């Protein structure tokens, strides 16, 4: 944890907590996901570590890039690029999106899924909460389940 400053919380779910952070000695803003080990079976922890290893090798503009991961006694910490918005929140706040924006999001998701499938990887948790929006409307797929 010495490599990062934890700034403010940005989300919480059954998996754990996500914070906006900054890499020390740089201006790089990151997302820090803290996943508790307590209460998780060995099988769940193995599955989590496997997802981290899969994410480590992925390079696609529409998939959240993982920068780092490490474990403490109590948590697994995953460091990824920071994306501004969550599609779920936008839909909840605004009710709907213009058709042109839906088309753009769909095209980017298809590109990300094609990349994953061509590498024999399935995204097993497709839902608006796992679709983030980065700068300039770039869609970022995250949380592979």
Foldseek 3Di string as FASTA:
>chain_A
DVQKAFDAWDDADPQATWTWIAGPPDRAIKIKGKGWPPPDDPVRVVVVVVVLVVQQPDDDQAAWHWDDWDDDPTTTITITHDADFFQVVCCVVVVDDDPVLVVVQVVLVVVVQVSQVVVVHAQPDDDRRQWGAHPPRRIHGDDSD
